[in-house]
Protein backbone atom coordinates (compact mmCIF):
# COMPACT_ATOMS: atom_id res chain seq x y z
CA MET A 1 70.08 93.99 84.81
CA THR A 2 69.33 97.72 84.67
CA ASP A 3 71.91 100.40 85.44
CA PHE A 4 71.95 102.01 88.85
CA SER A 5 70.46 105.36 87.77
CA LYS A 6 67.18 103.65 86.92
CA THR A 7 67.30 101.59 90.10
CA PHE A 8 67.90 104.76 92.11
CA LYS A 9 64.84 106.46 90.61
CA GLU A 10 62.73 103.41 91.40
CA LEU A 11 64.02 103.48 94.98
CA ILE A 12 62.91 107.10 95.41
CA THR A 13 59.42 106.07 94.27
CA GLN A 14 59.37 103.13 96.68
CA ILE A 15 60.28 105.39 99.59
CA ASP A 16 57.63 107.95 98.56
CA VAL A 17 54.87 105.36 98.08
CA HIS A 18 55.60 102.74 100.73
CA GLY A 19 57.69 104.64 103.28
CA ASP A 20 56.95 106.76 106.30
CA VAL A 21 58.09 110.11 107.69
CA SER A 22 60.13 110.26 110.88
CA LYS A 23 62.32 112.82 112.70
CA PRO A 24 65.53 111.30 114.08
CA ARG A 25 67.52 114.03 115.84
CA ASP A 26 64.52 116.27 114.99
CA LEU A 27 65.40 116.16 111.24
CA GLU A 28 62.52 115.17 108.96
CA VAL A 29 63.19 112.19 106.69
CA LYS A 30 61.25 109.96 104.35
CA GLU A 31 62.25 106.39 105.15
CA LEU A 32 61.62 102.79 104.17
CA LEU A 33 62.36 99.89 106.49
CA LEU A 34 63.98 96.54 105.63
CA ASN A 35 64.70 97.35 101.99
CA ARG A 36 66.58 95.36 99.35
CA VAL A 37 68.06 96.62 96.08
CA ASP A 38 69.86 94.43 93.53
CA ILE A 39 72.74 96.23 91.81
CA ASN A 40 74.79 95.36 88.76
CA PRO A 41 78.39 95.70 90.10
CA THR A 42 79.60 96.87 86.69
CA LYS A 43 77.09 99.75 86.55
CA PRO A 44 76.86 101.27 90.05
CA ILE A 45 76.77 104.98 89.21
CA ALA A 46 73.65 107.14 89.77
CA HIS A 47 73.99 110.13 87.42
CA PHE A 48 71.23 112.65 86.65
CA GLU A 49 70.76 116.06 85.08
CA ALA A 50 69.45 117.30 88.42
CA ARG A 51 72.38 115.79 90.30
CA SER A 52 75.53 114.85 88.44
CA PHE A 53 77.69 112.21 90.07
CA ASN A 54 80.40 113.94 92.11
CA TRP A 55 83.58 112.47 90.61
CA LYS A 56 85.84 114.83 92.51
CA TYR A 57 84.56 113.56 95.86
CA PHE A 58 84.49 109.89 94.81
CA ALA A 59 88.09 109.99 93.56
CA GLY A 60 89.18 111.51 96.87
CA GLU A 61 87.17 109.05 98.93
CA MET A 62 88.56 106.06 97.02
CA ALA A 63 92.13 107.28 97.53
CA TRP A 64 91.41 107.86 101.22
CA TYR A 65 89.91 104.38 101.61
CA LEU A 66 92.79 102.68 99.82
CA HIS A 67 95.30 104.49 102.01
CA ARG A 68 93.32 103.27 105.05
CA ASP A 69 93.64 106.71 106.63
CA THR A 70 91.31 107.53 109.54
CA ASP A 71 92.57 111.12 109.82
CA VAL A 72 90.22 113.63 108.16
CA ASP A 73 92.77 116.10 106.82
CA TYR A 74 93.02 114.56 103.33
CA ILE A 75 89.32 113.82 102.82
CA GLY A 76 88.57 117.31 104.15
CA GLN A 77 89.83 118.66 100.82
CA TYR A 78 86.79 117.03 99.21
CA SER A 79 84.09 117.46 101.86
CA GLY A 80 83.83 119.42 105.09
CA MET A 81 81.38 116.89 106.50
CA TRP A 82 84.02 114.56 107.92
CA SER A 83 85.53 117.19 110.24
CA THR A 84 82.16 117.38 112.04
CA LEU A 85 82.24 113.64 112.82
CA THR A 86 85.63 113.22 114.50
CA ASN A 87 85.95 111.21 117.68
CA PRO A 88 86.24 113.24 120.92
CA GLY A 89 89.66 114.82 121.31
CA THR A 90 90.99 113.45 117.99
CA ASN A 91 91.19 114.28 114.29
CA GLU A 92 90.00 110.78 113.35
CA ILE A 93 86.74 109.13 112.34
CA ASN A 94 85.56 105.50 112.26
CA SER A 95 84.04 105.09 108.77
CA ASN A 96 87.11 104.78 106.59
CA TYR A 97 85.97 101.54 104.96
CA GLY A 98 89.46 100.77 103.67
CA ALA A 99 90.86 100.86 107.20
CA LEU A 100 88.06 98.56 108.33
CA VAL A 101 88.19 95.80 105.69
CA LEU A 102 91.15 96.12 103.30
CA ASN A 103 93.37 93.92 105.45
CA THR A 104 94.18 90.25 105.96
CA GLU A 105 91.69 89.93 108.82
CA GLN A 106 88.72 90.95 106.65
CA ILE A 107 89.19 90.73 102.87
CA GLY A 108 91.87 88.09 103.50
CA TRP A 109 89.41 86.00 105.52
CA VAL A 110 86.81 86.23 102.73
CA VAL A 111 89.25 85.03 100.07
CA ASP A 112 90.66 82.24 102.23
CA SER A 113 87.16 81.04 103.15
CA LEU A 114 86.11 80.78 99.51
CA LEU A 115 89.36 79.11 98.48
CA ALA A 116 88.83 76.50 101.17
CA ASP A 117 85.15 75.88 100.30
CA ASP A 118 83.31 77.22 97.27
CA ASN A 119 80.04 76.65 99.15
CA SER A 120 81.24 78.55 102.21
CA ARG A 121 78.77 80.52 104.30
CA GLN A 122 81.56 82.13 106.30
CA ALA A 123 83.06 84.53 103.73
CA ILE A 124 82.05 87.64 105.63
CA MET A 125 83.78 90.93 106.49
CA PHE A 126 82.60 93.24 109.27
CA PHE A 127 82.46 97.04 109.20
CA ASN A 128 80.61 98.19 112.32
CA GLN A 129 82.13 96.74 115.49
CA PRO A 130 81.30 96.77 119.23
CA LYS A 131 84.19 99.17 119.89
CA PHE A 132 82.22 101.92 118.13
CA GLN A 133 79.46 101.81 120.75
CA PHE A 134 80.58 104.67 122.97
CA LYS A 135 79.04 107.92 124.16
CA GLY A 136 79.91 110.93 122.04
CA ASN A 137 80.43 108.89 118.88
CA LYS A 138 79.26 111.04 115.94
CA ASP A 139 80.40 108.50 113.34
CA PHE A 140 78.56 105.28 114.09
CA VAL A 141 79.45 103.12 111.08
CA CYS A 142 76.43 102.63 108.78
CA THR A 143 77.57 99.38 107.14
CA MET A 144 77.31 96.23 109.23
CA TYR A 145 78.88 93.55 107.03
CA ALA A 146 79.58 92.25 103.52
CA ASN A 147 78.80 88.59 102.84
CA PHE A 148 80.27 86.85 99.77
CA PHE A 149 79.01 83.56 98.39
CA ILE A 150 79.46 81.49 95.25
CA ARG A 151 76.54 79.68 93.68
CA ASN A 152 76.18 78.45 90.09
CA ASN A 153 79.77 79.53 89.45
CA LYS A 154 78.96 83.18 90.21
CA LEU A 155 80.39 85.34 92.97
CA ASN A 156 77.60 87.24 94.70
CA MET A 157 77.75 89.77 97.52
CA LYS A 158 75.29 91.00 100.13
CA ILE A 159 75.88 94.34 101.85
CA GLN A 160 73.94 94.88 105.08
CA MET A 161 73.42 98.47 106.24
CA ARG A 162 71.84 99.53 109.52
CA SER A 163 71.03 102.95 108.01
CA ASN A 164 71.53 104.45 104.54
CA ASP A 165 70.97 107.97 103.23
CA ILE A 166 70.45 107.54 99.48
CA PHE A 167 72.00 110.88 98.51
CA TYR A 168 74.96 111.27 100.87
CA GLY A 169 75.53 107.54 101.37
CA LEU A 170 74.22 105.14 98.75
CA THR A 171 75.39 107.09 95.68
CA PHE A 172 79.00 106.64 96.86
CA ASP A 173 78.54 103.36 98.73
CA ALA A 174 77.33 101.50 95.63
CA PRO A 175 80.44 102.15 93.51
CA PHE A 176 82.81 101.45 96.41
CA PHE A 177 81.11 98.17 97.29
CA SER A 178 81.10 97.25 93.58
CA PHE A 179 84.84 97.91 93.55
CA LEU A 180 85.21 95.75 96.68
CA MET A 181 83.24 92.93 95.05
CA GLN A 182 85.29 93.12 91.86
CA SER A 183 88.48 93.12 93.91
CA VAL A 184 87.50 89.85 95.63
CA TYR A 185 86.47 88.48 92.25
CA LEU A 186 89.82 89.28 90.59
CA ILE A 187 91.80 87.86 93.53
CA LEU A 188 89.87 84.60 93.30
CA LYS A 189 90.34 84.37 89.53
CA LYS A 190 94.12 84.31 90.01
CA HIS A 191 93.67 80.77 91.34
CA ASP A 192 93.15 77.83 88.98
CA LYS A 193 90.15 76.76 91.02
CA TYR A 194 88.27 79.89 89.98
CA LYS A 195 89.68 80.68 86.53
CA ASP A 196 86.16 80.38 85.04
CA LEU A 197 84.34 82.18 87.88
CA GLU A 198 81.74 84.74 86.83
CA LEU A 199 80.74 88.02 88.46
CA GLY A 200 77.25 87.79 89.96
CA THR A 201 74.93 90.25 91.70
CA TYR A 202 75.46 92.82 94.44
CA HIS A 203 72.50 92.66 96.86
CA HIS A 204 72.16 95.83 98.94
CA PHE A 205 70.08 95.53 102.13
CA ALA A 206 69.27 98.41 104.47
CA ASP A 207 67.28 98.22 107.71
CA ASN A 208 66.45 101.91 107.19
CA ILE A 209 66.92 103.60 103.81
CA HIS A 210 65.96 107.26 103.57
CA PHE A 211 66.49 110.82 102.37
CA TYR A 212 66.24 114.06 104.34
CA GLU A 213 63.95 117.06 103.90
CA ARG A 214 66.81 119.01 102.27
CA HIS A 215 66.56 116.55 99.36
CA PHE A 216 62.77 116.34 98.95
CA GLU A 217 62.71 118.69 95.95
CA LEU A 218 65.76 117.06 94.39
CA ALA A 219 64.05 113.68 94.64
CA LYS A 220 61.04 115.06 92.76
CA LYS A 221 63.27 116.43 90.00
CA ILE A 222 65.09 113.12 89.58
CA LYS A 223 61.82 111.19 89.40
CA SER A 224 60.64 113.46 86.58
CA GLU A 225 63.76 113.00 84.43
CA ASP A 226 63.85 111.09 81.16
CA ASP A 227 65.52 107.68 81.48
CA ALA A 228 67.38 108.31 78.22
CA LEU A 229 70.36 109.99 79.94
CA GLU A 230 73.30 107.68 79.32
CA SER A 231 76.90 107.49 80.46
CA ASN A 232 80.11 106.59 78.71
CA ILE A 233 81.73 103.25 79.51
CA LEU A 234 85.31 103.52 80.75
CA ALA A 235 87.40 100.58 81.97
CA ILE A 236 88.20 100.70 85.67
CA LEU A 237 89.70 97.27 86.47
CA VAL A 238 92.15 95.07 84.57
CA ASP A 239 93.20 91.58 85.64
CA ASP A 240 96.63 89.99 85.18
CA GLU A 241 95.72 88.70 81.72
CA GLY A 242 94.62 92.11 80.49
CA ARG A 243 90.88 91.43 80.62
CA GLU A 244 88.90 94.54 81.44
CA TYR A 245 85.92 94.78 83.76
CA ASP A 246 83.92 97.92 83.07
CA MET A 247 81.88 100.28 85.19
CA THR A 248 79.50 102.90 83.83
CA LEU A 249 81.44 106.13 84.21
CA PRO A 250 80.18 109.48 82.89
CA ARG A 251 83.21 111.20 81.38
CA ASP A 252 81.99 114.62 82.51
CA GLY A 253 84.31 115.66 85.31
CA TYR A 254 86.04 112.27 85.45
CA GLU A 255 89.41 113.15 83.91
CA LYS A 256 89.81 116.24 86.09
CA SER A 257 88.92 114.26 89.21
CA LEU A 258 91.34 111.45 88.48
CA PHE A 259 94.16 113.86 87.72
CA LYS A 260 93.65 115.52 91.10
CA ALA A 261 93.71 112.15 92.87
CA LYS A 262 96.56 110.61 90.86
CA GLU A 263 99.41 111.74 93.10
CA TYR A 264 97.71 110.32 96.18
CA PHE A 265 96.92 107.02 94.42
CA THR A 266 100.60 106.71 93.50
CA MET A 267 101.48 106.83 97.18
CA ILE A 268 99.47 103.66 97.79
CA GLU A 269 100.45 101.70 94.69
CA GLU A 270 101.29 98.70 96.86
CA TYR A 271 97.56 97.92 96.97
CA GLU A 272 97.58 94.91 94.66
CA THR A 273 94.00 93.86 94.00
CA CYS A 274 93.43 96.19 91.04
CA ASP A 275 95.43 98.20 88.54
CA LEU A 276 94.25 101.70 89.44
CA ILE A 277 97.42 103.53 88.45
CA LYS A 278 97.34 102.15 84.91
CA GLN A 279 93.71 103.05 84.56
CA ILE A 280 94.23 106.61 85.80
CA GLN A 281 97.08 107.09 83.35
CA LYS A 282 94.91 105.64 80.59
CA GLN A 283 92.12 108.12 81.19
CA ILE A 284 94.18 111.30 81.60
CA ALA A 285 96.90 110.61 79.01
């Protein structure tokens, strides 16, 4: 399966060729309806000469998700966007994905469902919820659900989005959802029943996938780039037996980003589904 940079370029072309133009909130977008993209969960990074992957932001967002913190003060150090989306009269938002699913009710349900039945069709975790349907909500969660299923001894995952901006959303959603998938995978492999389980495919569905006018020129530049740009491979996950599961990680900017996030990660070391602290130390030592 191809890496995500190539898939991302192909997606831009699909939107240009097969999509339409609309103006939600009077902002011009190029959009494609009912789209599906298959992603290799070990290579979910879109990295280009015209737009390098923002490791500083991703490191901060991952720490924020893992801490399950709905307050915007911490993530505000990485992006000012979140402070514009707070709920009325609060300093909180709704789209901290860690707060929504990294708990026994969601990721716990998925694992328990698959342990009970390897053919289960119930291993699902929900992101958007009815409680977010209120007037004045500026942060209506874009992700609807994640559905996990095992077939042919492979763990697969479907992500369903109601709406997905490819530049501000998908480029950071893909690596987080890949991390989520690998986390479920490593939890399952701790059990004898799944000691030989393999990692399958991440299927990304969006009812509306798009990019805004501010990114029209950037999209053209990315489409014109040579596919030869490659990234270094750095280990990101290690299971209890020391086996490494890699993600494609450009080194440029990575060490600096992880160093900045290290102190915050240490605060949430109790999160047990992956060995992030060891990996951070490994990369910045």
